[in-house]
Protein backbone atom coordinates (compact mmCIF):
# COMPACT_ATOMS: atom_id res chain seq x y z
CA MET A 1 19.63 18.01 -6.50
CA LYS A 2 21.89 14.57 -6.32
CA ILE A 3 20.97 13.99 -2.69
CA HIS A 4 17.66 12.66 -3.48
CA LEU A 5 18.82 10.56 -6.70
CA TRP A 6 21.88 9.12 -4.90
CA VAL A 7 20.45 8.21 -1.83
CA ALA A 8 17.72 6.82 -3.89
CA LEU A 9 19.75 5.00 -5.64
CA ALA A 10 21.86 3.63 -2.93
CA VAL A 11 18.82 2.14 -0.88
CA GLY A 12 16.66 1.30 -3.61
CA LEU A 13 16.65 -2.83 -3.43
CA TYR A 14 16.32 -2.02 0.92
CA VAL A 15 13.35 0.40 0.28
CA ILE A 16 11.58 -2.69 -2.05
CA VAL A 17 12.38 -5.71 -0.01
CA ILE A 18 10.82 -3.40 3.70
CA SER A 19 8.58 -2.47 0.75
CA VAL A 20 6.91 -5.74 -0.49
CA SER A 21 8.11 -8.08 2.84
CA GLY A 22 5.32 -5.27 5.39
CA SER A 23 2.52 -5.59 2.93
CA ALA A 24 2.38 -9.09 3.48
CA VAL A 25 2.49 -9.30 6.38
CA VAL A 26 -0.71 -7.12 7.43
CA LEU A 27 -2.63 -9.71 7.45
CA ARG A 28 -0.72 -11.83 10.11
CA PRO A 29 -3.44 -12.18 12.26
CA GLU A 30 -5.83 -13.25 9.83
CA ILE A 31 -3.38 -15.42 8.14
CA ASN A 32 -2.90 -16.83 11.96
CA ARG A 33 -6.53 -17.50 12.72
CA TRP A 34 -7.17 -18.55 9.38
CA ALA A 35 -4.20 -21.71 8.59
CA VAL A 36 -4.63 -22.94 12.71
CA PRO A 37 -7.96 -24.14 13.63
CA ARG A 38 -9.38 -22.39 17.20
CA ALA A 39 -11.85 -25.06 17.36
CA VAL A 40 -12.58 -28.81 17.77
CA PRO A 41 -15.87 -29.32 14.90
CA ASP A 42 -18.18 -30.73 17.14
CA THR A 43 -18.21 -31.31 21.16
CA SER A 44 -20.85 -33.72 21.64
CA GLY A 45 -19.71 -37.17 23.60
CA GLU A 46 -16.74 -36.98 26.12
CA ARG A 47 -13.95 -35.35 26.53
CA ALA A 48 -10.71 -36.80 26.73
CA SER A 49 -8.47 -35.31 29.57
CA GLY A 50 -5.67 -37.49 31.57
CA ASP A 51 -4.74 -40.77 30.84
CA SER A 52 -7.09 -41.28 29.01
CA LEU A 53 -5.87 -38.38 26.44
CA ALA A 54 -2.17 -39.48 26.76
CA ALA A 55 -2.85 -43.13 25.70
CA ALA A 56 -5.41 -41.36 22.69
CA LEU A 57 -2.59 -39.42 22.15
CA ALA A 58 0.25 -42.15 22.11
CA ALA A 59 -2.16 -43.90 19.89
CA ALA A 60 -2.73 -41.73 17.47
CA TYR A 61 0.92 -41.02 17.44
CA PRO A 62 2.25 -44.33 17.31
CA ASP A 63 5.78 -43.37 15.62
CA HIS A 64 6.87 -40.24 17.58
CA GLU A 65 6.82 -39.34 21.14
CA VAL A 66 4.47 -37.40 23.02
CA VAL A 67 6.83 -34.69 24.78
CA ARG A 68 3.79 -32.90 26.21
CA PHE A 69 0.18 -31.84 25.88
CA SER A 70 -1.25 -29.51 26.92
CA GLU A 71 -5.76 -29.24 27.70
CA SER A 72 -7.43 -25.28 27.70
CA ARG A 73 -10.31 -25.12 29.91
CA PHE A 74 -12.69 -24.25 26.95
CA PRO A 75 -14.46 -26.98 25.62
CA ARG A 76 -14.29 -26.14 21.96
CA SER A 77 -10.36 -25.19 21.70
CA PRO A 78 -8.36 -28.07 20.85
CA VAL A 79 -4.99 -30.02 22.93
CA SER A 80 -1.70 -28.55 22.11
CA VAL A 81 0.86 -31.35 21.19
CA LEU A 82 4.44 -31.24 21.13
CA LEU A 83 5.80 -34.81 19.91
CA ALA A 84 9.56 -35.69 18.56
CA ARG A 85 10.84 -37.95 16.96
CA ASP A 86 14.72 -38.82 15.09
CA GLY A 87 15.12 -36.16 17.60
CA ILE A 88 13.23 -33.34 15.75
CA GLU A 89 10.30 -31.45 17.69
CA HIS A 90 6.80 -30.34 16.05
CA GLY A 91 3.56 -29.40 17.38
CA ARG A 92 0.04 -30.78 16.19
CA LEU A 93 -3.50 -30.02 17.69
CA PHE A 94 -5.65 -32.77 18.34
CA ASP A 95 -9.46 -32.99 19.12
CA PRO A 96 -10.07 -34.71 22.62
CA TYR A 97 -13.45 -35.34 21.07
CA ALA A 98 -13.06 -37.52 18.42
CA LEU A 99 -9.69 -38.63 19.24
CA ALA A 100 -8.60 -37.34 15.93
CA ASP A 101 -5.10 -35.54 14.33
CA MET A 102 -6.07 -32.02 13.60
CA GLY A 103 -3.40 -30.36 11.65
CA GLU A 104 0.32 -28.28 12.65
CA SER A 105 0.21 -25.84 15.19
CA PHE A 106 2.58 -24.32 13.20
CA PRO A 107 1.57 -24.83 9.57
CA PRO A 108 4.01 -24.05 6.98
CA VAL A 109 2.47 -20.32 5.25
CA VAL A 110 2.44 -19.10 9.27
CA ARG A 111 6.03 -20.13 9.29
CA PHE A 112 6.68 -18.39 5.84
CA VAL A 113 4.37 -15.52 7.36
CA GLU A 114 6.97 -15.44 10.78
CA TRP A 115 9.91 -15.81 8.58
CA LEU A 116 8.84 -12.56 5.96
CA VAL A 117 8.28 -10.98 9.93
CA ALA A 118 11.74 -11.16 11.19
CA LEU A 119 13.05 -9.79 7.40
CA HIS A 120 11.10 -7.31 7.58
CA ASP A 121 11.85 -6.45 11.76
CA ASP A 122 15.67 -6.74 11.64
CA LEU A 123 16.28 -8.46 8.18
CA LEU A 124 17.57 -12.13 9.83
CA THR A 125 19.83 -10.56 11.75
CA GLY A 126 18.83 -9.86 14.89
CA GLN A 127 19.74 -6.65 16.80
CA ALA A 128 21.65 -5.40 14.11
CA GLY A 129 19.27 -6.35 11.53
CA ARG A 130 16.92 -4.00 13.84
CA LYS A 131 19.61 -1.36 13.96
CA ILE A 132 20.23 -1.22 10.22
CA ASN A 133 16.32 -0.78 9.65
CA GLY A 134 16.70 2.26 12.11
CA ILE A 135 19.39 3.80 9.64
CA GLY A 136 17.06 2.87 7.08
CA GLY A 137 14.27 5.16 8.13
CA GLY A 138 16.88 7.59 8.35
CA LEU A 139 17.87 7.30 4.94
CA MET A 140 13.93 7.05 3.95
CA LEU A 141 13.79 10.22 5.93
CA VAL A 142 15.66 12.07 3.50
CA LEU A 143 13.94 11.20 0.76
CA VAL A 144 10.81 12.02 2.14
CA VAL A 145 12.21 15.69 3.48
CA THR A 146 13.93 15.41 -0.19
CA GLY A 147 11.62 14.74 -2.56
CA LEU A 148 8.80 16.62 -1.04
CA VAL A 149 11.70 20.12 -1.77
CA LEU A 150 12.14 18.69 -5.33
CA TRP A 151 7.81 18.29 -5.92
CA TRP A 152 7.27 21.99 -5.20
CA PRO A 153 6.36 23.81 -8.07
CA GLY A 154 5.29 27.35 -6.59
CA LYS A 155 2.22 28.68 -5.13
CA HIS A 156 0.66 28.88 -8.42
CA SER A 157 1.20 25.60 -10.09
CA TRP A 158 1.16 23.26 -7.08
CA HIS A 159 -2.20 21.44 -7.17
CA ARG A 160 -1.41 20.80 -11.37
CA SER A 161 1.10 18.52 -9.19
CA LEU A 162 -1.64 16.46 -7.84
CA TYR A 163 -2.80 14.53 -10.58
CA ILE A 164 -1.02 12.93 -14.10
CA PRO A 165 -1.87 15.14 -17.39
CA LEU A 166 -3.39 12.79 -19.58
CA ARG A 167 -1.32 14.63 -22.26
CA SER A 168 1.85 15.18 -20.89
CA PRO A 169 4.71 12.37 -22.66
CA ARG A 170 6.51 12.37 -18.74
CA LYS A 171 3.73 9.87 -17.53
CA ILE A 172 5.93 8.03 -15.24
CA TRP A 173 7.45 11.32 -14.16
CA HIS A 174 4.26 12.40 -13.29
CA LEU A 175 3.39 9.58 -11.70
CA HIS A 176 6.13 9.17 -8.90
CA SER A 177 6.08 13.02 -8.40
CA MET A 178 1.85 12.23 -7.70
CA LEU A 179 2.49 9.05 -5.62
CA GLY A 180 4.44 11.21 -3.00
CA ILE A 181 2.91 14.15 -2.57
CA TRP A 182 -0.28 11.91 -2.33
CA LEU A 183 1.36 9.37 0.44
CA SER A 184 4.38 11.97 2.04
CA LEU A 185 2.40 11.70 5.18
CA LEU A 186 1.80 8.52 5.43
CA LEU A 187 6.28 7.94 3.90
CA LEU A 188 7.03 10.28 6.82
CA ASN A 189 5.15 8.05 9.98
CA TRP A 190 7.16 4.41 8.18
CA SER A 191 10.41 6.59 7.94
CA LEU A 192 9.96 8.23 11.56
CA THR A 193 8.51 5.33 13.24
CA SER A 194 10.96 2.93 12.23
CA LEU A 195 13.55 5.17 13.83
CA TYR A 196 12.01 4.77 17.07
CA LEU A 197 11.65 1.17 16.97
CA ALA A 198 15.53 0.74 16.58
CA PHE A 199 16.50 3.52 18.58
CA PRO A 200 14.06 4.14 21.03
CA GLY A 201 16.93 6.07 23.22
CA PRO A 202 16.70 9.57 22.47
CA PHE A 203 13.32 9.20 21.66
CA GLU A 204 12.64 8.16 25.43
CA ASP A 205 14.86 10.88 26.46
CA LEU A 206 13.43 13.89 24.63
CA ARG A 207 9.86 12.78 26.38
CA ASP A 208 11.52 13.15 29.61
CA TRP A 209 12.63 16.01 28.72
CA LEU A 210 9.62 17.39 27.63
CA ASP A 211 7.35 16.05 31.07
CA GLN A 212 6.85 19.01 32.82
CA ASP A 213 5.36 17.00 35.90
CA PRO A 214 7.15 13.48 36.51
CA THR A 215 5.18 12.38 38.67
CA ASP A 216 2.30 12.22 37.71
CA PHE A 217 2.49 8.98 35.57
CA VAL A 218 1.85 10.90 32.30
CA ARG A 219 4.36 11.83 29.42
CA PRO A 220 4.52 13.67 26.04
CA GLY A 221 3.51 10.86 23.36
CA ASP A 222 1.56 8.57 25.14
CA THR A 223 -1.26 9.21 23.08
CA LEU A 224 0.51 10.17 19.91
CA ILE A 225 3.13 7.28 19.64
CA PRO A 226 0.66 4.51 19.63
CA PHE A 227 -1.06 5.90 17.70
CA LEU A 228 1.57 6.60 14.84
CA LEU A 229 2.54 3.16 15.35
CA ASP A 230 -0.53 1.69 14.34
CA GLY A 231 -0.26 3.53 11.23
CA HIS A 232 3.20 2.06 10.74
CA PHE A 233 1.71 -1.45 11.16
CA GLY A 234 -1.57 -1.19 9.82
CA ARG A 235 -3.91 -1.86 13.00
CA PHE A 236 -6.95 -0.81 12.25
CA GLY A 237 -10.01 -0.31 10.06
CA GLY A 238 -10.65 -4.61 10.04
CA LEU A 239 -9.55 -6.61 7.32
CA TRP A 240 -10.81 -3.55 5.24
CA GLY A 241 -8.13 -1.65 7.17
CA ARG A 242 -5.28 -4.13 6.74
CA THR A 243 -6.55 -4.75 3.46
CA THR A 244 -5.49 -1.23 1.97
CA TRP A 245 -2.83 -0.80 4.02
CA ILE A 246 -1.49 -3.98 1.86
CA VAL A 247 -2.11 -1.44 -1.52
CA LEU A 248 -0.12 1.30 0.31
CA GLY A 249 2.55 -0.42 1.76
CA LEU A 250 3.85 -1.03 -1.06
CA ALA A 251 3.84 2.84 -2.40
CA PRO A 252 7.66 2.81 -1.13
CA ALA A 253 8.42 0.51 -3.63
CA ALA A 254 6.22 1.47 -6.57
CA LEU A 255 7.89 4.82 -5.95
CA PHE A 256 11.34 3.73 -5.76
CA VAL A 257 10.57 1.47 -9.58
CA THR A 258 9.22 4.91 -11.31
CA GLY A 259 12.14 6.92 -10.05
CA PHE A 260 14.47 4.59 -11.15
CA LEU A 261 12.09 4.74 -14.68
CA VAL A 262 12.92 8.46 -14.43
CA TRP A 263 16.79 8.03 -14.42
CA TRP A 264 17.50 5.67 -17.02
CA ARG A 265 15.47 7.31 -19.81
CA GLN A 266 17.23 10.74 -18.47
CA GLN A 267 20.44 8.66 -19.03
CA ARG A 268 19.72 6.96 -22.13
CA ASP A 269 18.75 10.43 -24.39
């Protein structure tokens, strides 16, 4: 089916970018917790506050202006400090017991992850990129549906397409086919939720139209949509679930690479 081929070639680079960036940001919450100190190492002694804290901050950062600082009501939480130097502001975390710097509140690894999030969510171009992602989700939906049509080998031999025959000379084709069918539901979910995140209006209008009782504060899809969105972002299963989602998130890129190799070999033969 030419539609599957030409759509795949047209959006191949986009698929790789979205696939890789999506996998890279699955551990965003964990990376944030690992990289940013959440508690001071020791709470023994007196906690500086108010004017004494302001004086300690001025002494700790003599080459900066202390723009503001924020104290927490939790004893183990560090103080968040906003500093300025030569017109550039940046945040630090400060131990009010030891009167010592604890590092950046927004370290480079966190900034990089947030950049990847922006790349994945809106291609670094705001709402315009979000709409492009919606279009990309629609094209992915076309690829999934046409791929399923192409995959169907007949009711008597469909099970043979669920694995890679060891003696087959077309192992890459079988790998492409196997990945597509085993992950088809996941790919459908990613495609549909990408459309929803970019163009929620039509979906919400459909829910309103299907709602038989607008006064009960319950609409069709109130449970399904959060479930599908959690499946899109891998928000379940703790660290093991997220780690699994990192691997699965690379499936679209793997499908494009294997599909491209199959096409390229056909062009050479």
